């Protein structure tokens, strides 16, 4: 019972955080956003950059700077649309990507996190 009460006490903070994120991103409800399901068709992972190609492009509604998300959250953004059915995504683990973050563990903290390409050698 105490665990359930603790989870319920977090709801107002989560609602406020969602409203702040929507405002910062200039988006409405996620349910109203148009989504496109894509698959990775080529992994261009190097020691310098972290990019992948996906099997969706301009004919599918994909455009440069669109976020790329999974069930786990943000994974990257579209950097180039190659064709009607092919695009390039830079992953947030790429060293050139910086993402604004808010950490909520005890105290609220804000900052940014820069990706780190792993050394493949």
Protein backbone atom coordinates (compact mmCIF):
# COMPACT_ATOMS: atom_id res chain seq x y z
CA UNK A 1 0.00 0.00 0.00
CA UNK A 2 2.82 2.41 0.86
CA UNK A 3 4.43 1.73 -2.53
CA UNK A 4 1.19 2.62 -4.30
CA UNK A 5 0.81 5.82 -2.27
CA UNK A 6 4.41 6.75 -3.14
CA UNK A 7 3.76 6.22 -6.85
CA UNK A 8 0.61 8.34 -6.67
CA UNK A 9 2.50 11.17 -4.97
CA UNK A 10 4.81 11.37 -8.03
CA UNK A 11 1.93 11.93 -10.47
CA UNK A 12 1.65 15.75 -10.06
CA UNK A 13 5.40 16.12 -10.73
CA UNK A 14 5.15 13.92 -13.81
CA UNK A 15 2.17 15.87 -15.16
CA UNK A 16 4.07 19.13 -14.66
CA UNK A 17 7.17 17.72 -16.37
CA UNK A 18 5.10 16.55 -19.35
CA UNK A 19 3.54 20.02 -19.71
CA UNK A 20 7.00 21.64 -19.60
CA UNK A 21 8.36 19.25 -22.24
CA UNK A 22 5.38 19.81 -24.53
CA UNK A 23 5.81 23.56 -24.21
CA UNK A 24 9.57 23.41 -24.84
CA UNK A 25 9.12 21.21 -27.90
CA UNK A 26 6.09 23.06 -29.20
CA UNK A 27 4.03 19.88 -29.47
CA UNK A 28 0.55 18.90 -28.39
CA UNK A 29 -0.52 15.52 -27.14
CA UNK A 30 1.71 12.67 -28.27
CA UNK A 31 -1.36 10.76 -29.39
CA UNK A 32 -2.02 13.50 -31.96
CA UNK A 33 1.49 13.36 -33.46
CA UNK A 34 1.97 11.63 -36.80
CA UNK A 35 4.37 8.71 -36.51
CA UNK A 36 6.17 6.58 -39.05
CA UNK A 37 7.42 3.08 -38.23
CA UNK A 38 10.86 2.37 -39.69
CA UNK A 39 13.55 -0.28 -39.58
CA UNK A 40 17.31 0.16 -39.55
CA UNK A 41 18.68 -1.08 -42.87
CA UNK A 42 22.32 -0.05 -42.46
CA UNK A 43 24.48 0.61 -39.41
CA UNK A 44 27.29 3.11 -40.09
CA UNK A 45 28.70 2.92 -36.57
CA UNK A 46 32.34 4.09 -36.44
CA UNK A 47 34.66 5.38 -33.74
CA UNK A 48 33.88 8.91 -34.96
CA UNK A 49 30.14 8.92 -35.59
CA UNK A 50 27.00 7.00 -34.73
CA UNK A 51 24.55 7.01 -37.63
CA UNK A 52 22.15 4.52 -39.16
CA UNK A 53 20.03 4.41 -42.29
CA UNK A 54 16.32 3.69 -42.01
CA UNK A 55 13.88 2.37 -44.61
CA UNK A 56 11.66 5.46 -44.65
CA UNK A 57 12.09 8.77 -46.49
CA UNK A 58 10.31 11.72 -48.04
CA UNK A 59 7.52 9.60 -49.57
CA UNK A 60 6.75 8.38 -46.04
CA UNK A 61 6.62 11.88 -44.51
CA UNK A 62 10.14 11.86 -43.06
CA UNK A 63 11.98 15.21 -42.97
CA UNK A 64 15.32 16.53 -41.71
CA UNK A 65 15.45 17.31 -37.96
CA UNK A 66 12.57 14.98 -37.08
CA UNK A 67 13.13 13.17 -33.78
CA UNK A 68 13.54 9.40 -33.83
CA UNK A 69 12.10 7.58 -30.82
CA UNK A 70 11.57 4.05 -29.57
CA UNK A 71 9.55 2.79 -26.64
CA UNK A 72 12.56 3.69 -24.49
CA UNK A 73 12.56 7.36 -25.60
CA UNK A 74 14.64 9.58 -27.87
CA UNK A 75 17.36 7.73 -29.84
CA UNK A 76 18.32 10.28 -32.50
CA UNK A 77 17.17 12.66 -35.22
CA UNK A 78 16.98 12.67 -39.01
CA UNK A 79 20.02 14.41 -40.53
CA UNK A 80 19.43 13.59 -44.20
CA UNK A 81 16.62 12.27 -46.38
CA UNK A 82 18.32 10.25 -49.12
CA UNK A 83 15.24 9.29 -51.16
CA UNK A 84 11.56 8.53 -51.00
CA UNK A 85 12.26 5.51 -48.81
CA UNK A 86 15.65 6.06 -47.18
CA UNK A 87 16.93 8.46 -44.49
CA UNK A 88 19.99 8.92 -42.29
CA UNK A 89 19.59 9.16 -38.49
CA UNK A 90 22.27 10.50 -36.14
CA UNK A 91 22.01 8.69 -32.81
CA UNK A 92 22.15 10.55 -29.50
CA UNK A 93 25.24 8.51 -28.61
CA UNK A 94 27.15 10.40 -31.34
CA UNK A 95 29.68 12.81 -29.83
CA UNK A 96 28.27 15.73 -31.85
CA UNK A 97 24.81 15.39 -30.31
CA UNK A 98 23.86 17.27 -27.16
CA UNK A 99 20.47 16.70 -25.55
CA UNK A 100 18.85 18.82 -22.84
CA UNK A 101 17.98 16.73 -19.80
CA UNK A 102 16.14 17.10 -16.53
CA UNK A 103 17.09 14.75 -13.71
CA UNK A 104 14.60 14.06 -10.94
CA UNK A 105 16.20 12.12 -8.13
CA UNK A 106 15.55 13.85 -4.86
CA UNK A 107 16.33 17.29 -6.28
CA UNK A 108 15.49 18.62 -9.72
CA UNK A 109 18.52 19.31 -11.87
CA UNK A 110 18.81 20.54 -15.44
CA UNK A 111 21.68 20.31 -17.86
CA UNK A 112 22.76 18.70 -21.09
CA UNK A 113 24.28 15.39 -22.03
CA UNK A 114 26.66 14.86 -24.94
CA UNK A 115 26.85 11.50 -26.71
CA UNK A 116 30.00 9.43 -26.79
CA UNK A 117 30.74 7.27 -29.81
CA UNK A 118 32.22 4.02 -28.62
CA UNK A 119 35.69 3.04 -29.71
CA UNK A 120 35.26 0.14 -32.10
CA UNK A 121 38.98 -0.68 -32.14
